[in-house]
Amino acid sequence: MVRLYGLLFLIDLVMLVWAVIDCLSTDEFAIRNLPKVAWVFIILLFSPVGWIAWFVAGRPQQPARAGAGSQWRPGSGFPEDQRPRTARAAAPDDDPEFLRSLAKTRRADEEMFSKWEADLRRREEELRRREEKPDA
């Protein structure tokens, strides 16, 4: 008889801890019938009845599973043969259009750089001429 009571006490303790953890980890908006704080007090104060009530009346209901013939809903996943095929985006270093745009940008930058160098040489030459020519 003592073993039976010990086993029942152990089952009650495990279920109590499980119910409290489940209640505390559930989002407030998903809990049914009572606020979360009320459920925690009921579970702790009214031990086998509290956790039984939590699993029956307070715990969020699980959504119905989609069967083989049911319509697809977002979040239900895809079997591999029914997965929608989308164009896979290429990485920038694999995209030919991106690489062409880089080449164009590089050429434009090199042209601008050569213009700046030519302008700088021209200005330096003008400055040297002014310095060599004495003001009269």
C-alpha atoms as a PDB file:
ATOM      1  CA  MET A   1       0.000   0.000   0.000  1.00  0.00           C
ATOM      2  CA  VAL A   2       2.873   2.365   0.807  1.00  0.00           C
ATOM      3  CA  ARG A   3       4.384   1.699  -2.612  1.00  0.00           C
ATOM      4  CA  LEU A   4       1.094   2.538  -4.307  1.00  0.00           C
ATOM      5  CA  TYR A   5       0.829   5.838  -2.420  1.00  0.00           C
ATOM      6  CA  GLY A   6       4.482   6.600  -3.188  1.00  0.00           C
ATOM      7  CA  LEU A   7       3.899   5.924  -6.876  1.00  0.00           C
ATOM      8  CA  LEU A   8       0.759   8.093  -6.915  1.00  0.00           C
ATOM      9  CA  PHE A   9       2.624  10.887  -5.109  1.00  0.00           C
ATOM     10  CA  LEU A  10       5.488  10.674  -7.630  1.00  0.00           C
ATOM     11  CA  ILE A  11       3.066  10.762 -10.584  1.00  0.00           C
ATOM     12  CA  ASP A  12       1.263  13.729  -9.012  1.00  0.00           C
ATOM     13  CA  LEU A  13       4.560  15.572  -8.467  1.00  0.00           C
ATOM     14  CA  VAL A  14       5.784  14.951 -12.025  1.00  0.00           C
ATOM     15  CA  MET A  15       2.473  16.044 -13.547  1.00  0.00           C
ATOM     16  CA  LEU A  16       2.362  19.121 -11.278  1.00  0.00           C
ATOM     17  CA  VAL A  17       5.838  20.227 -12.364  1.00  0.00           C
ATOM     18  CA  TRP A  18       5.033  19.504 -16.009  1.00  0.00           C
ATOM     19  CA  ALA A  19       1.784  21.497 -15.835  1.00  0.00           C
ATOM     20  CA  VAL A  20       3.431  24.491 -14.119  1.00  0.00           C
ATOM     21  CA  ILE A  21       6.288  24.596 -16.638  1.00  0.00           C
ATOM     22  CA  ASP A  22       3.840  24.189 -19.533  1.00  0.00           C
ATOM     23  CA  CYS A  23       1.617  26.954 -18.178  1.00  0.00           C
ATOM     24  CA  LEU A  24       4.506  29.366 -17.593  1.00  0.00           C
ATOM     25  CA  SER A  25       6.010  28.744 -21.037  1.00  0.00           C
ATOM     26  CA  THR A  26       2.705  29.252 -22.878  1.00  0.00           C
ATOM     27  CA  ASP A  27       1.985  32.707 -24.277  1.00  0.00           C
ATOM     28  CA  GLU A  28      -0.647  34.674 -22.366  1.00  0.00           C
ATOM     29  CA  PHE A  29      -2.894  35.130 -25.403  1.00  0.00           C
ATOM     30  CA  ALA A  30      -2.976  31.390 -26.154  1.00  0.00           C
ATOM     31  CA  ILE A  31      -4.212  30.249 -22.712  1.00  0.00           C
ATOM     32  CA  ARG A  32      -7.907  29.430 -22.571  1.00  0.00           C
ATOM     33  CA  ASN A  33     -10.569  30.366 -19.975  1.00  0.00           C
ATOM     34  CA  LEU A  34      -8.447  32.085 -17.280  1.00  0.00           C
ATOM     35  CA  PRO A  35      -5.383  34.328 -17.019  1.00  0.00           C
ATOM     36  CA  LYS A  36      -1.984  32.690 -16.676  1.00  0.00           C
ATOM     37  CA  VAL A  37      -1.559  33.734 -13.019  1.00  0.00           C
ATOM     38  CA  ALA A  38      -4.884  32.136 -12.077  1.00  0.00           C
ATOM     39  CA  TRP A  39      -3.897  28.892 -13.795  1.00  0.00           C
ATOM     40  CA  VAL A  40      -0.562  28.770 -11.952  1.00  0.00           C
ATOM     41  CA  PHE A  41      -2.327  29.207  -8.587  1.00  0.00           C
ATOM     42  CA  ILE A  42      -4.939  26.570  -9.447  1.00  0.00           C
ATOM     43  CA  ILE A  43      -2.265  24.088 -10.519  1.00  0.00           C
ATOM     44  CA  LEU A  44      -0.174  24.646  -7.379  1.00  0.00           C
ATOM     45  CA  LEU A  45      -2.941  24.863  -4.780  1.00  0.00           C
ATOM     46  CA  PHE A  46      -5.312  22.161  -5.971  1.00  0.00           C
ATOM     47  CA  SER A  47      -2.858  19.433  -6.852  1.00  0.00           C
ATOM     48  CA  PRO A  48      -4.241  16.624  -8.852  1.00  0.00           C
ATOM     49  CA  VAL A  49      -7.384  18.523  -9.826  1.00  0.00           C
ATOM     50  CA  GLY A  50      -5.417  21.659 -10.792  1.00  0.00           C
ATOM     51  CA  TRP A  51      -3.101  20.068 -13.310  1.00  0.00           C
ATOM     52  CA  ILE A  52      -5.902  17.919 -14.730  1.00  0.00           C
ATOM     53  CA  ALA A  53      -7.993  21.079 -15.210  1.00  0.00           C
ATOM     54  CA  TRP A  54      -5.017  22.775 -16.890  1.00  0.00           C
ATOM     55  CA  PHE A  55      -4.560  19.979 -19.426  1.00  0.00           C
ATOM     56  CA  VAL A  56      -8.313  19.766 -20.105  1.00  0.00           C
ATOM     57  CA  ALA A  57      -9.495  23.391 -20.004  1.00  0.00           C
ATOM     58  CA  GLY A  58      -6.537  25.778 -19.952  1.00  0.00           C
ATOM     59  CA  ARG A  59      -3.917  24.495 -22.322  1.00  0.00           C
ATOM     60  CA  PRO A  60      -4.030  25.864 -25.884  1.00  0.00           C
ATOM     61  CA  GLN A  61      -5.680  23.568 -28.385  1.00  0.00           C
ATOM     62  CA  GLN A  62      -3.412  22.019 -30.972  1.00  0.00           C
ATOM     63  CA  PRO A  63      -4.280  22.913 -34.569  1.00  0.00           C
ATOM     64  CA  ALA A  64      -5.750  20.150 -36.702  1.00  0.00           C
ATOM     65  CA  ARG A  65      -3.208  18.330 -38.851  1.00  0.00           C
ATOM     66  CA  ALA A  66      -3.542  18.470 -42.615  1.00  0.00           C
ATOM     67  CA  GLY A  67      -4.318  15.067 -44.112  1.00  0.00           C
ATOM     68  CA  ALA A  68      -3.124  13.725 -47.452  1.00  0.00           C
ATOM     69  CA  GLY A  69      -6.134  15.026 -49.397  1.00  0.00           C
ATOM     70  CA  SER A  70      -6.496  18.391 -47.686  1.00  0.00           C
ATOM     71  CA  GLN A  71      -5.735  21.802 -49.110  1.00  0.00           C
ATOM     72  CA  TRP A  72      -2.285  23.275 -48.411  1.00  0.00           C
ATOM     73  CA  ARG A  73      -2.170  25.989 -45.743  1.00  0.00           C
ATOM     74  CA  PRO A  74       0.744  28.284 -44.937  1.00  0.00           C
ATOM     75  CA  GLY A  75       3.024  26.744 -42.355  1.00  0.00           C
ATOM     76  CA  SER A  76       1.975  23.150 -43.004  1.00  0.00           C
ATOM     77  CA  GLY A  77       5.105  22.398 -45.016  1.00  0.00           C
ATOM     78  CA  PHE A  78       5.516  20.796 -48.423  1.00  0.00           C
ATOM     79  CA  PRO A  79       6.183  17.295 -49.526  1.00  0.00           C
ATOM     80  CA  GLU A  80       9.266  17.498 -51.726  1.00  0.00           C
ATOM     81  CA  ASP A  81       7.401  16.659 -54.947  1.00  0.00           C
ATOM     82  CA  GLN A  82       4.867  19.472 -54.321  1.00  0.00           C
ATOM     83  CA  ARG A  83       7.368  22.159 -53.351  1.00  0.00           C
ATOM     84  CA  PRO A  84       6.841  25.327 -55.424  1.00  0.00           C
ATOM     85  CA  ARG A  85       9.739  26.021 -57.748  1.00  0.00           C
ATOM     86  CA  THR A  86      11.082  29.545 -57.593  1.00  0.00           C
ATOM     87  CA  ALA A  87      13.933  31.173 -59.396  1.00  0.00           C
ATOM     88  CA  ARG A  88      16.918  30.801 -57.152  1.00  0.00           C
ATOM     89  CA  ALA A  89      18.796  34.012 -56.578  1.00  0.00           C
ATOM     90  CA  ALA A  90      22.441  33.756 -57.531  1.00  0.00           C
ATOM     91  CA  ALA A  91      25.153  35.015 -55.266  1.00  0.00           C
ATOM     92  CA  PRO A  92      26.646  38.331 -56.453  1.00  0.00           C
ATOM     93  CA  ASP A  93      29.874  36.698 -57.597  1.00  0.00           C
ATOM     94  CA  ASP A  94      27.872  34.180 -59.704  1.00  0.00           C
ATOM     95  CA  ASP A  95      25.467  36.691 -61.273  1.00  0.00           C
ATOM     96  CA  PRO A  96      26.694  37.676 -64.776  1.00  0.00           C
ATOM     97  CA  GLU A  97      24.670  40.910 -64.788  1.00  0.00           C
ATOM     98  CA  PHE A  98      26.243  41.995 -61.501  1.00  0.00           C
ATOM     99  CA  LEU A  99      29.737  41.176 -62.801  1.00  0.00           C
ATOM    100  CA  ARG A 100      29.065  43.206 -65.985  1.00  0.00           C
ATOM    101  CA  SER A 101      27.933  46.163 -63.896  1.00  0.00           C
ATOM    102  CA  LEU A 102      31.140  45.888 -61.843  1.00  0.00           C
ATOM    103  CA  ALA A 103      33.239  45.936 -65.015  1.00  0.00           C
ATOM    104  CA  LYS A 104      31.360  49.022 -66.299  1.00  0.00           C
ATOM    105  CA  THR A 105      31.766  50.775 -62.968  1.00  0.00           C
ATOM    106  CA  ARG A 106      35.469  49.949 -62.911  1.00  0.00           C
ATOM    107  CA  ARG A 107      35.974  51.302 -66.435  1.00  0.00           C
ATOM    108  CA  ALA A 108      34.094  54.481 -65.551  1.00  0.00           C
ATOM    109  CA  ASP A 109      36.193  54.911 -62.417  1.00  0.00           C
ATOM    110  CA  GLU A 110      39.421  54.393 -64.365  1.00  0.00           C
ATOM    111  CA  GLU A 111      38.339  56.943 -66.987  1.00  0.00           C
ATOM    112  CA  MET A 112      37.511  59.481 -64.282  1.00  0.00           C
ATOM    113  CA  PHE A 113      40.831  58.802 -62.558  1.00  0.00           C
ATOM    114  CA  SER A 114      42.778  59.308 -65.818  1.00  0.00           C
ATOM    115  CA  LYS A 115      40.907  62.618 -66.431  1.00  0.00           C
ATOM    116  CA  TRP A 116      41.794  63.781 -62.935  1.00  0.00           C
ATOM    117  CA  GLU A 117      45.447  62.863 -63.479  1.00  0.00           C
ATOM    118  CA  ALA A 118      45.519  64.717 -66.805  1.00  0.00           C
ATOM    119  CA  ASP A 119      43.891  67.766 -65.186  1.00  0.00           C
ATOM    120  CA  LEU A 120      46.400  67.617 -62.322  1.00  0.00           C
ATOM    121  CA  ARG A 121      49.348  67.434 -64.764  1.00  0.00           C
ATOM    122  CA  ARG A 122      47.948  70.372 -66.731  1.00  0.00           C
ATOM    123  CA  ARG A 123      47.550  72.480 -63.573  1.00  0.00           C
ATOM    124  CA  GLU A 124      51.050  71.586 -62.359  1.00  0.00           C
ATOM    125  CA  GLU A 125      52.471  72.572 -65.757  1.00  0.00           C
ATOM    126  CA  GLU A 126      50.635  75.924 -65.651  1.00  0.00           C
ATOM    127  CA  LEU A 127      51.936  76.527 -62.140  1.00  0.00           C
ATOM    128  CA  ARG A 128      55.531  75.805 -63.260  1.00  0.00           C
ATOM    129  CA  ARG A 129      55.200  78.191 -66.211  1.00  0.00           C
ATOM    130  CA  ARG A 130      53.954  80.974 -63.937  1.00  0.00           C
ATOM    131  CA  GLU A 131      56.838  80.429 -61.533  1.00  0.00           C
ATOM    132  CA  GLU A 132      59.443  80.402 -64.348  1.00  0.00           C
ATOM    133  CA  LYS A 133      58.101  83.483 -66.060  1.00  0.00           C
ATOM    134  CA  PRO A 134      59.152  86.617 -64.155  1.00  0.00           C
ATOM    135  CA  ASP A 135      56.449  89.176 -63.589  1.00  0.00           C
ATOM    136  CA  ALA A 136      57.207  92.340 -65.437  1.00  0.00           C
END
